[in-house]
Protein backbone atom coordinates (compact mmCIF):
# COMPACT_ATOMS: atom_id res chain seq x y z
CA MET A 1 -10.11 -4.99 6.15
CA GLN A 2 -7.31 -3.32 3.43
CA ARG A 3 -5.78 -6.63 3.64
CA ALA A 4 -9.02 -8.21 2.90
CA LEU A 5 -10.21 -5.47 0.15
CA LEU A 6 -6.33 -6.75 -1.51
CA TYR A 7 -6.83 -10.60 -1.11
CA PHE A 8 -10.29 -10.51 -3.05
CA LEU A 9 -8.71 -7.58 -5.73
CA ALA A 10 -5.90 -10.34 -6.44
CA GLY A 11 -8.05 -12.94 -6.26
CA THR A 12 -10.84 -11.94 -8.32
CA VAL A 13 -7.64 -10.66 -11.05
CA VAL A 14 -5.63 -14.03 -10.84
CA SER A 15 -9.02 -16.04 -11.15
CA PHE A 16 -10.11 -14.03 -14.12
CA LEU A 17 -6.75 -14.24 -16.19
CA ILE A 18 -6.22 -17.90 -15.32
CA ASN A 19 -10.33 -18.57 -16.40
CA TYR A 20 -9.69 -16.63 -19.50
CA PHE A 21 -6.44 -17.39 -20.89
CA LEU A 22 -5.82 -21.00 -19.66
CA LEU A 23 -9.01 -22.57 -19.56
CA GLY A 24 -11.16 -21.58 -22.31
CA SER A 25 -12.96 -18.66 -21.74
CA GLU A 26 -17.04 -18.67 -22.26
CA GLY A 27 -16.95 -14.94 -22.33
CA TRP A 28 -14.88 -12.21 -20.51
CA PRO A 29 -18.18 -11.19 -18.76
CA LEU A 30 -19.00 -14.63 -16.94
CA ASP A 31 -14.98 -14.97 -16.46
CA LEU A 32 -14.76 -12.25 -14.54
CA TYR A 33 -18.24 -13.36 -12.67
CA TYR A 34 -16.12 -16.49 -11.81
CA GLY A 35 -13.13 -14.50 -10.42
CA ILE A 36 -15.37 -12.46 -8.78
CA ALA A 37 -16.85 -15.29 -6.84
CA PHE A 38 -13.28 -16.28 -5.83
CA GLY A 39 -11.95 -13.19 -4.85
CA ALA A 40 -14.77 -12.76 -2.74
CA ALA A 41 -14.32 -16.30 -0.94
CA TRP A 42 -10.57 -15.49 -0.52
CA GLY A 43 -11.42 -11.73 0.88
CA MET A 44 -14.26 -12.81 3.26
CA ALA A 45 -12.41 -15.81 4.05
CA TYR A 46 -9.86 -13.26 6.03
CA TYR A 47 -11.73 -11.14 6.68
CA LEU A 48 -13.78 -13.38 8.58
CA ASP A 49 -10.67 -15.28 10.09
CA ASP A 50 -10.77 -13.66 13.13
CA GLU A 51 -11.61 -14.61 17.22
CA GLN A 52 -14.28 -11.47 17.13
CA PHE A 53 -16.37 -13.73 14.88
CA THR A 54 -18.08 -16.94 15.79
CA LEU A 55 -18.50 -20.01 13.34
CA ILE A 56 -22.18 -19.48 13.14
CA GLN A 57 -21.55 -16.08 12.15
CA LYS A 58 -18.85 -17.18 9.45
CA LEU A 59 -21.46 -19.20 8.64
CA GLY A 60 -24.18 -17.14 8.00
CA ILE A 61 -22.44 -14.13 6.40
CA SER A 62 -20.68 -16.34 3.98
CA PHE A 63 -24.08 -17.70 3.44
CA ILE A 64 -25.23 -14.45 2.71
CA LEU A 65 -22.59 -13.19 0.11
CA MET A 66 -23.22 -17.02 -1.59
CA THR A 67 -26.93 -15.51 -1.72
CA VAL A 68 -26.19 -12.44 -2.88
CA LEU A 69 -23.85 -14.00 -5.77
CA LEU A 70 -26.29 -16.72 -7.12
CA VAL A 71 -29.07 -14.02 -7.57
CA ALA A 72 -26.97 -11.87 -9.31
CA GLY A 73 -25.58 -14.69 -11.36
CA ILE A 74 -28.65 -15.74 -12.09
CA PHE A 75 -29.89 -11.81 -13.40
CA ILE A 76 -27.30 -11.25 -15.46
CA PHE A 77 -26.80 -15.03 -16.88
CA ASP A 78 -28.73 -17.94 -15.44
CA ALA A 79 -28.90 -20.81 -12.67
CA GLU A 80 -27.20 -22.79 -15.03
CA LEU A 81 -24.25 -20.83 -14.97
CA ALA A 82 -24.48 -18.77 -11.56
CA VAL A 83 -24.37 -22.32 -9.53
CA PRO A 84 -20.65 -23.10 -10.90
CA ALA A 85 -19.50 -19.94 -8.69
CA ILE A 86 -21.15 -20.47 -5.52
CA ILE A 87 -19.13 -23.64 -6.12
CA ARG A 88 -16.15 -21.62 -6.44
CA PHE A 89 -17.02 -19.60 -3.29
CA SER A 90 -18.13 -22.56 -1.35
CA MET A 91 -14.59 -24.52 -1.98
CA VAL A 92 -12.35 -21.26 -1.37
CA PHE A 93 -13.95 -20.54 1.52
CA VAL A 94 -13.65 -24.11 3.03
CA ALA A 95 -9.80 -24.44 1.60
CA TYR A 96 -8.98 -21.28 3.58
CA TYR A 97 -10.51 -23.12 6.91
CA VAL A 98 -9.10 -26.62 6.03
CA LEU A 99 -5.49 -25.12 5.69
CA ALA A 100 -6.11 -22.70 8.91
CA SER A 101 -7.04 -25.59 10.98
CA PHE A 102 -3.08 -27.29 10.18
CA ARG A 103 -1.89 -24.42 11.86
CA ARG A 104 -1.30 -24.29 15.65
CA ALA A 105 -2.78 -20.76 15.89
CA LYS A 106 -5.96 -22.31 13.54
CA SER A 107 -5.95 -18.92 11.79
CA LEU A 108 -3.55 -18.32 8.63
CA ARG A 109 -3.46 -14.54 9.75
CA LYS A 110 -0.77 -15.58 12.51
């Protein structure tokens, strides 16, 4: 759990810095929101990369987190700005498991 939180924080900071300084900022609150979506995806993917979670549980938990991100984004910004965060979350979450699928253990934890 501690390492998943570390990945969340590191992913958030790195994504925020890249969005803010390199990709053209649309305002620091929006860049922070996108950074949180990226960090949450990376941390959640790492946390769920365990044999105790079934595929259905992994998908269900990720869907719940995407819904929370979407509702928060719509509440703070609007739907047009919240949807890209969900796309980023989905891409990072899927990329994590695609990379893991190339390993013999089917996990990036081991």
